[in-house]
Every structure is written in structure tokens, then in C-alpha cells.
Amino acid sequence: MDLQQLKIFLNAAALKSFSRAAEQMYISQPSVSARIKALEEELDVILFDRSHPRELALTAEGILFMDYAQKMLNLHEAALAELAPGTRRLAGTVRMAASTVPGIYLLPPLLARFRECCPGVTLNLAIMDSAAVVEKILDYNVELGLIGEEAAEERLESAVFAEDELVLITPPGLLDQKVIKEDSSGRGIVDLASCFPYPLLLREEGSATRRFFERALLKTDMRFSDFAGIIYMDNLEVIKQSVRYGLGISLVSRLSAEDYFRADLISVYKPAGLALTRRLYLIRHHRRVLSRAGDALHNFLSKKLPIQLD
């Protein structure tokens, strides 16, 4: 067993493909396959389930060995850094996934600051719904995740990343005549029932924003069926554009509505009688050994938590 074998194994596990690992490491696919096969023979276990034609999957033994492999590489990198202070900078790739709101509206400025202090680290960020982020973390596909709700999964370690709230967005001025009063920030408060004549635009099934709104609505006597119709969309930007052009109304994150609101493309209201403040979470697999780069990013983000929003 050597360090190159470990690097090949970890890359193949992360990318779920021998060919993609070979491409990333600038070696041939037969070389990757041979090194993995030799590693499996040395360990006397099967590390990858090769029965899936499109995508490799780690076996239970593969997942277990992944932590040991990462520890060994981390120790090697730490030794080199310790023996050559000032000449060796932190390097590596951090794969992370985030749901739409934290991934698009909160994470970019933080990653930019992280890159200033760790320019040798390559960042790989995927945007998907919260349910998919949790699945990616549990399947060892990514090291870190950001989601829009607390995950009821004992294998996850989570920390509050920030607080957010859902707001009602409509075409400009649609409910100005229905405003009951204004809150402390000057935002108009309206009865959600005043929106029943309009279609409601909702995110996809795995969206934490949608689930949070559904739970809040269940605490009232209102239901989705009260609206003129339901239109499902799997993209937040499409929802905002659709509201802008009068297709319907929606409940979205205040963070995501800010740009359209400032440009006077939509109106933003606060629904009366609904508790719509929620928390966003930074998550990781509680037993997974992070790469040195992943650990550095986790520590960087943890020192910023919780993010204070304006």
C-alpha cells in the first residue's frame, strides 16, 4: 500500500468513477483499475461495488477504509507541512453541497474569504435541495453540506449556520390595498387568505423551504387547496421570474427575494399569524474523517457561526 494508491482510491470514491479519477489525476483508466485491484487484494476486501454500470459505489468495507485512507493522507500532509514551515501551503479539493438559499445567497462571500487565506484549496460546490444534500453527505459523496432545516439523522453532526425567514412575494403592488399594518422593518403585513384568488407557486418535494411552509400552514385552518391553483417549479429563480410576470404568488426566503425587491420587480409582504423564521444548518457525517482542506473549511465556517444577517 502506498500514498498514490490511497489518492487513487479516494478520488475514485469521491467521483464514483475510475475513468473520472484517471482523468483528474492525469493517468490511464487501466492504471487506476489495476491500483485499486491491487489495494483490494492487499486488504483482502472488495472496496467498490462494480455492479452498477453508470456509477461506482463504495461497499461497507470501502466506506470503513475511506476514513483510514484519509487519516493516512492527512498525517502525511501534516508531516510535510510541519517539516517545511512557510514553504508548503494547504492544498486539496473540498467537495460540498448546499441547498439553494444558503448555497447561493450566503456561502459565496464566505468561500471568497476562505480562498484568501487558503488559495491552494480547490472548492467544488453543488447546489441541490436539502434532501439531496443529506443523501450526498450520508453516501460520502461530499464532505460538508448546508441545508434549510435540521436533519433527523443520527449519523449527521450539525450546527446552526444562520437564521432566515420566509416572506410572501407577489407581482409589484398586488396586495398593497390589503396591508393590515407594517412590522418594525416597514414591511406590510397581510392576511394570507387575501392571496387565495391567485395560484401558489411551490418548490419541489425535497425543498426544505416548501416543507417548512407546509408545516407552518398546518398549524392554521388554511390549506393549499384554498388557493386558485398550485404550480410546481424546481428552481427558485424561475419562481421569482414567474411571480414578477404575474403567474402567481409564492413564499420564499427573504434572502432570495432581496435582489428582486430592491429592483422593484416584486413586492414583499409578511403573512399574518404564521411563524416563518427558520434556521439553516452546516452539516457533516459525524464519523467521516475530513481531508485537511475539508477540515480547514469546516473550522473556518464554524468560527463564523451563526452568520448574522442584516
Protein backbone atom coordinates (compact mmCIF):
# COMPACT_ATOMS: atom_id res chain seq x y z
CA MET A 1 0.00 0.00 0.00
CA ASP A 2 1.40 3.40 -0.95
CA LEU A 3 0.21 7.01 -0.91
CA GLN A 4 -0.58 7.03 -4.62
CA GLN A 5 -2.91 4.07 -4.15
CA LEU A 6 -4.68 5.91 -1.37
CA LYS A 7 -5.06 9.04 -3.50
CA ILE A 8 -6.44 6.99 -6.39
CA PHE A 9 -8.86 5.22 -4.08
CA LEU A 10 -10.13 8.46 -2.52
CA ASN A 11 -10.56 10.15 -5.89
CA ALA A 12 -12.43 7.17 -7.33
CA ALA A 13 -14.64 7.07 -4.25
CA ALA A 14 -15.40 10.79 -4.46
CA LEU A 15 -16.04 10.81 -8.21
CA LYS A 16 -17.71 7.36 -8.28
CA SER A 17 -15.82 6.55 -11.43
CA PHE A 18 -12.44 5.05 -12.34
CA SER A 19 -12.40 6.97 -15.62
CA ARG A 20 -13.13 10.35 -13.98
CA ALA A 21 -10.49 9.65 -11.32
CA ALA A 22 -7.98 8.80 -14.06
CA GLU A 23 -8.82 12.00 -15.93
CA GLN A 24 -8.45 14.14 -12.83
CA MET A 25 -5.14 12.54 -11.86
CA TYR A 26 -3.73 12.51 -15.43
CA ILE A 27 -3.20 8.76 -15.51
CA SER A 28 -4.80 5.98 -17.56
CA GLN A 29 -8.00 4.23 -16.52
CA PRO A 30 -6.33 0.77 -16.68
CA SER A 31 -3.72 2.09 -14.23
CA VAL A 32 -6.47 3.23 -11.85
CA SER A 33 -8.26 -0.11 -12.11
CA ALA A 34 -5.02 -2.02 -11.54
CA ARG A 35 -4.03 0.05 -8.48
CA ILE A 36 -7.48 -0.36 -6.93
CA LYS A 37 -7.43 -4.10 -7.64
CA ALA A 38 -4.00 -4.43 -6.01
CA LEU A 39 -5.25 -2.50 -2.98
CA GLU A 40 -8.28 -4.77 -2.65
CA GLU A 41 -6.06 -7.85 -2.87
CA GLU A 42 -3.73 -6.49 -0.20
CA LEU A 43 -6.63 -5.71 2.12
CA ASP A 44 -8.47 -8.90 1.12
CA VAL A 45 -11.77 -7.00 0.75
CA ILE A 46 -13.87 -5.55 -2.08
CA LEU A 47 -13.83 -1.75 -1.82
CA PHE A 48 -16.16 -0.91 -4.71
CA ASP A 49 -19.47 -2.35 -5.83
CA ARG A 50 -18.99 -2.54 -9.59
CA SER A 51 -22.45 -3.93 -10.39
CA HIS A 52 -23.83 -0.51 -11.28
CA PRO A 53 -22.96 0.25 -14.92
CA ARG A 54 -23.05 4.03 -14.64
CA GLU A 55 -21.67 4.75 -11.18
CA LEU A 56 -19.37 3.05 -8.70
CA ALA A 57 -20.49 2.68 -5.11
CA LEU A 58 -18.40 2.01 -2.02
CA THR A 59 -19.03 -1.24 -0.20
CA ALA A 60 -19.36 -1.21 3.60
CA GLU A 61 -15.67 -2.15 3.76
CA GLY A 62 -14.89 0.65 1.31
CA ILE A 63 -16.61 3.23 3.50
CA LEU A 64 -14.71 1.96 6.55
CA PHE A 65 -11.37 2.03 4.73
CA MET A 66 -12.06 5.51 3.35
CA ASP A 67 -11.66 7.01 6.82
CA TYR A 68 -8.36 5.23 7.39
CA ALA A 69 -7.09 6.24 3.96
CA GLN A 70 -7.96 9.87 4.64
CA LYS A 71 -6.26 9.75 8.05
CA MET A 72 -3.07 8.41 6.48
CA LEU A 73 -3.02 11.10 3.79
CA ASN A 74 -3.81 13.82 6.32
CA LEU A 75 -0.93 12.61 8.52
CA HIS A 76 1.43 12.62 5.56
CA GLU A 77 0.43 16.16 4.57
CA ALA A 78 0.70 17.36 8.17
CA ALA A 79 4.22 15.91 8.47
CA LEU A 80 5.34 17.65 5.27
CA ALA A 81 3.87 20.96 6.43
CA GLU A 82 5.49 20.63 9.86
CA LEU A 83 8.90 19.81 8.43
CA ALA A 84 8.81 22.60 5.86
CA PRO A 85 7.18 25.60 7.60
CA GLY A 86 6.47 28.58 5.41
CA THR A 87 7.11 26.75 2.17
CA ARG A 88 4.18 24.34 1.89
CA ARG A 89 0.65 25.68 1.72
CA LEU A 90 -2.60 23.85 2.35
CA ALA A 91 -3.88 22.18 -0.81
CA GLY A 92 -6.52 19.70 -1.92
CA THR A 93 -10.13 19.66 -3.06
CA VAL A 94 -13.16 20.16 -0.84
CA ARG A 95 -16.43 18.82 -2.20
CA MET A 96 -19.53 20.27 -0.63
CA ALA A 97 -23.23 20.54 -1.38
CA ALA A 98 -25.75 23.17 -0.33
CA SER A 99 -29.44 23.80 -0.69
CA THR A 100 -30.49 26.78 -2.77
CA VAL A 101 -30.78 29.56 -0.19
CA PRO A 102 -27.58 29.07 1.84
CA GLY A 103 -25.64 27.89 -1.20
CA ILE A 104 -26.47 30.87 -3.41
CA TYR A 105 -27.11 33.73 -1.01
CA LEU A 106 -24.84 33.08 2.00
CA LEU A 107 -21.94 30.82 1.06
CA PRO A 108 -20.19 32.67 -1.83
CA PRO A 109 -18.78 35.60 0.21
CA LEU A 110 -17.58 33.18 2.88
CA LEU A 111 -15.85 30.97 0.32
CA ALA A 112 -14.19 34.03 -1.18
CA ARG A 113 -12.75 34.91 2.25
CA PHE A 114 -11.65 31.32 2.81
CA ARG A 115 -9.82 31.31 -0.52
CA GLU A 116 -7.93 34.45 0.51
CA CYS A 117 -6.30 32.57 3.38
CA CYS A 118 -6.13 29.16 1.64
CA PRO A 119 -5.55 29.87 -2.08
CA GLY A 120 -4.23 26.37 -2.71
CA VAL A 121 -7.57 24.73 -1.91
CA THR A 122 -9.90 23.87 -4.79
CA LEU A 123 -13.61 24.20 -3.99
CA ASN A 124 -16.29 22.06 -5.60
CA LEU A 125 -19.82 23.22 -4.74
CA ALA A 126 -23.06 21.58 -5.90
CA ILE A 127 -26.48 23.21 -5.43
CA MET A 128 -29.44 20.88 -4.81
CA ASP A 129 -32.42 20.52 -2.49
CA SER A 130 -31.88 19.79 1.22
CA ALA A 131 -32.92 16.14 0.98
CA ALA A 132 -30.34 15.54 -1.75
CA VAL A 133 -27.62 17.30 0.29
CA VAL A 134 -28.27 14.98 3.24
CA GLU A 135 -28.11 11.97 0.92
CA LYS A 136 -24.78 13.16 -0.52
CA ILE A 137 -23.30 13.54 2.97
CA LEU A 138 -24.50 10.11 4.11
CA ASP A 139 -23.21 8.46 0.91
CA TYR A 140 -19.75 10.01 1.42
CA ASN A 141 -20.10 11.97 -1.85
CA VAL A 142 -19.32 15.32 -0.23
CA GLU A 143 -17.57 16.37 2.96
CA LEU A 144 -19.70 19.33 4.04
CA GLY A 145 -23.29 20.40 3.47
CA LEU A 146 -25.62 23.35 4.08
CA ILE A 147 -29.35 22.72 4.42
CA GLY A 148 -32.52 24.65 5.16
CA GLU A 149 -33.77 22.50 8.03
CA GLU A 150 -32.49 20.33 10.86
CA ALA A 151 -31.96 16.78 9.65
CA ALA A 152 -33.37 14.00 11.84
CA GLU A 153 -30.42 11.69 11.14
CA GLU A 154 -28.17 10.47 13.95
CA ARG A 155 -25.21 10.00 11.60
CA LEU A 156 -25.05 13.75 10.97
CA GLU A 157 -23.31 16.40 13.02
CA SER A 158 -24.97 19.79 12.56
CA ALA A 159 -24.53 23.39 13.68
CA VAL A 160 -26.77 26.41 13.19
CA PHE A 161 -25.42 28.31 10.19
CA ALA A 162 -27.82 31.26 10.12
CA GLU A 163 -31.42 32.28 10.67
CA ASP A 164 -33.75 33.06 7.80
CA GLU A 165 -37.45 33.74 7.33
CA LEU A 166 -39.97 33.11 4.62
CA VAL A 167 -41.77 36.06 3.06
CA LEU A 168 -44.69 36.36 0.70
CA ILE A 169 -43.76 37.63 -2.75
CA THR A 170 -46.23 38.94 -5.34
CA PRO A 171 -46.21 40.99 -8.54
CA PRO A 172 -45.47 44.63 -7.71
CA GLY A 173 -48.16 46.26 -5.57
CA LEU A 174 -50.59 43.35 -5.79
CA LEU A 175 -51.60 43.41 -2.11
CA ASP A 176 -50.81 47.00 -1.15
CA GLN A 177 -54.51 47.67 -0.54
CA LYS A 178 -54.74 44.59 1.70
CA VAL A 179 -51.99 45.59 4.15
CA ILE A 180 -53.21 45.34 7.75
CA LYS A 181 -50.22 47.08 9.32
CA GLU A 182 -46.45 47.28 9.00
CA ASP A 183 -43.82 45.43 11.01
CA SER A 184 -40.76 47.05 12.63
CA SER A 185 -38.85 46.96 9.33
CA GLY A 186 -41.66 48.67 7.42
CA ARG A 187 -42.77 45.52 5.64
CA GLY A 188 -46.52 45.28 5.04
CA ILE A 189 -48.38 42.55 6.95
CA VAL A 190 -51.25 40.89 5.08
CA ASP A 191 -53.70 38.09 5.69
CA LEU A 192 -52.60 35.09 3.65
CA ALA A 193 -56.24 34.49 2.77
CA SER A 194 -56.05 37.59 0.57
CA CYS A 195 -53.84 35.51 -1.74
CA PHE A 196 -56.39 32.73 -2.27
CA PRO A 197 -57.58 34.17 -5.64
CA TYR A 198 -54.09 33.62 -7.06
CA PRO A 199 -52.10 30.49 -7.96
CA LEU A 200 -49.46 29.42 -5.45
CA LEU A 201 -46.00 28.64 -6.81
CA LEU A 202 -44.22 25.89 -4.86
CA ARG A 203 -40.75 24.31 -4.88
CA GLU A 204 -40.09 20.60 -5.50
CA GLU A 205 -40.73 17.80 -2.96
CA GLY A 206 -37.20 17.78 -1.49
CA SER A 207 -37.17 21.52 -0.76
CA ALA A 208 -36.76 22.47 2.92
CA THR A 209 -38.45 25.81 2.16
CA ARG A 210 -41.56 24.02 0.93
CA ARG A 211 -41.66 21.63 3.90
CA PHE A 212 -41.23 24.50 6.35
CA PHE A 213 -44.12 26.41 4.78
CA GLU A 214 -46.29 23.27 4.74
CA ARG A 215 -45.71 22.71 8.46
CA ALA A 216 -46.47 26.36 9.25
CA LEU A 217 -49.69 26.20 7.23
CA LEU A 218 -50.82 23.02 9.01
CA LYS A 219 -50.94 25.00 12.27
CA THR A 220 -53.70 27.17 10.78
CA ASP A 221 -57.07 26.40 9.20
CA MET A 222 -55.63 27.20 5.74
CA ARG A 223 -54.65 24.60 3.13
CA PHE A 224 -53.01 24.57 -0.30
CA SER A 225 -56.41 23.73 -1.77
CA ASP A 226 -57.63 27.19 -0.74
CA PHE A 227 -55.53 28.81 -3.46
CA ALA A 228 -56.68 29.23 -7.06
CA GLY A 229 -54.21 26.54 -8.08
CA ILE A 230 -50.78 25.07 -7.38
CA ILE A 231 -47.86 25.33 -9.80
CA TYR A 232 -44.76 23.29 -9.00
CA MET A 233 -41.30 24.52 -10.02
CA ASP A 234 -37.88 23.07 -9.22
CA ASN A 235 -35.92 26.31 -9.46
CA LEU A 236 -36.10 29.34 -7.18
CA GLU A 237 -35.09 31.77 -9.91
CA VAL A 238 -37.92 30.51 -12.12
CA ILE A 239 -40.35 31.08 -9.25
CA LYS A 240 -39.20 34.68 -8.79
CA GLN A 241 -39.39 35.38 -12.51
CA SER A 242 -42.86 33.82 -12.68
CA VAL A 243 -44.09 35.95 -9.78
CA ARG A 244 -42.55 39.02 -11.41
CA TYR A 245 -44.61 38.44 -14.57
CA GLY A 246 -47.86 37.73 -12.75
CA LEU A 247 -48.12 33.93 -12.90
CA GLY A 248 -48.90 33.72 -9.19
CA ILE A 249 -47.57 34.30 -5.67
CA SER A 250 -45.10 32.37 -3.55
CA LEU A 251 -43.45 32.01 -0.14
CA VAL A 252 -39.65 32.19 -0.42
CA SER A 253 -36.61 33.00 1.67
CA ARG A 254 -36.22 36.70 2.47
CA LEU A 255 -32.59 36.39 1.38
CA SER A 256 -33.57 35.14 -2.06
CA ALA A 257 -36.20 37.86 -2.56
CA GLU A 258 -33.95 40.79 -1.70
CA ASP A 259 -32.47 41.37 -5.17
CA TYR A 260 -35.83 41.39 -6.97
CA PHE A 261 -37.41 43.54 -4.25
CA ARG A 262 -34.69 46.20 -4.47
CA ALA A 263 -35.10 46.28 -8.24
CA ASP A 264 -38.89 46.83 -7.79
CA LEU A 265 -39.63 43.64 -9.72
CA ILE A 266 -41.77 42.13 -6.93
CA SER A 267 -43.46 43.16 -3.71
CA VAL A 268 -42.64 41.52 -0.39
CA TYR A 269 -45.11 41.07 2.45
CA LYS A 270 -45.25 39.29 5.79
CA PRO A 271 -48.18 36.85 6.22
CA ALA A 272 -50.08 37.48 9.45
CA GLY A 273 -50.32 34.69 12.01
CA LEU A 274 -47.62 32.44 10.56
CA ALA A 275 -44.32 31.64 12.32
CA LEU A 276 -41.93 31.70 9.37
CA THR A 277 -38.49 32.15 10.97
CA ARG A 278 -36.24 29.14 10.44
CA ARG A 279 -32.65 28.02 10.89
CA LEU A 280 -30.12 26.94 8.28
CA TYR A 281 -27.57 24.26 9.18
CA LEU A 282 -23.97 23.30 8.43
CA ILE A 283 -23.73 19.50 8.40
CA ARG A 284 -21.13 16.75 8.11
CA HIS A 285 -21.05 12.99 8.64
CA HIS A 286 -20.19 12.58 12.33
CA ARG A 287 -17.76 9.68 11.78
CA ARG A 288 -16.19 10.71 8.49
CA VAL A 289 -12.58 11.83 8.58
CA LEU A 290 -12.36 15.10 6.67
CA SER A 291 -9.47 15.89 4.38
CA ARG A 292 -7.08 18.55 5.71
CA ALA A 293 -8.62 21.03 3.27
CA GLY A 294 -12.15 19.99 4.27
CA ASP A 295 -11.29 20.26 7.95
CA ALA A 296 -9.81 23.73 7.38
CA LEU A 297 -13.00 24.89 5.63
CA HIS A 298 -15.19 23.36 8.35
CA ASN A 299 -13.17 25.15 11.03
CA PHE A 300 -13.32 28.41 9.08
CA LEU A 301 -17.10 28.26 8.70
CA SER A 302 -17.62 27.13 12.31
CA LYS A 303 -15.80 30.22 13.60
CA LYS A 304 -18.28 32.40 11.68
CA LEU A 305 -21.41 30.69 13.05
CA PRO A 306 -24.09 31.65 13.36
CA ILE A 307 -23.98 34.07 10.43
CA GLN A 308 -25.60 37.36 11.37
CA LEU A 309 -27.97 38.61 8.68
CA ASP A 310 -28.95 42.23 8.13
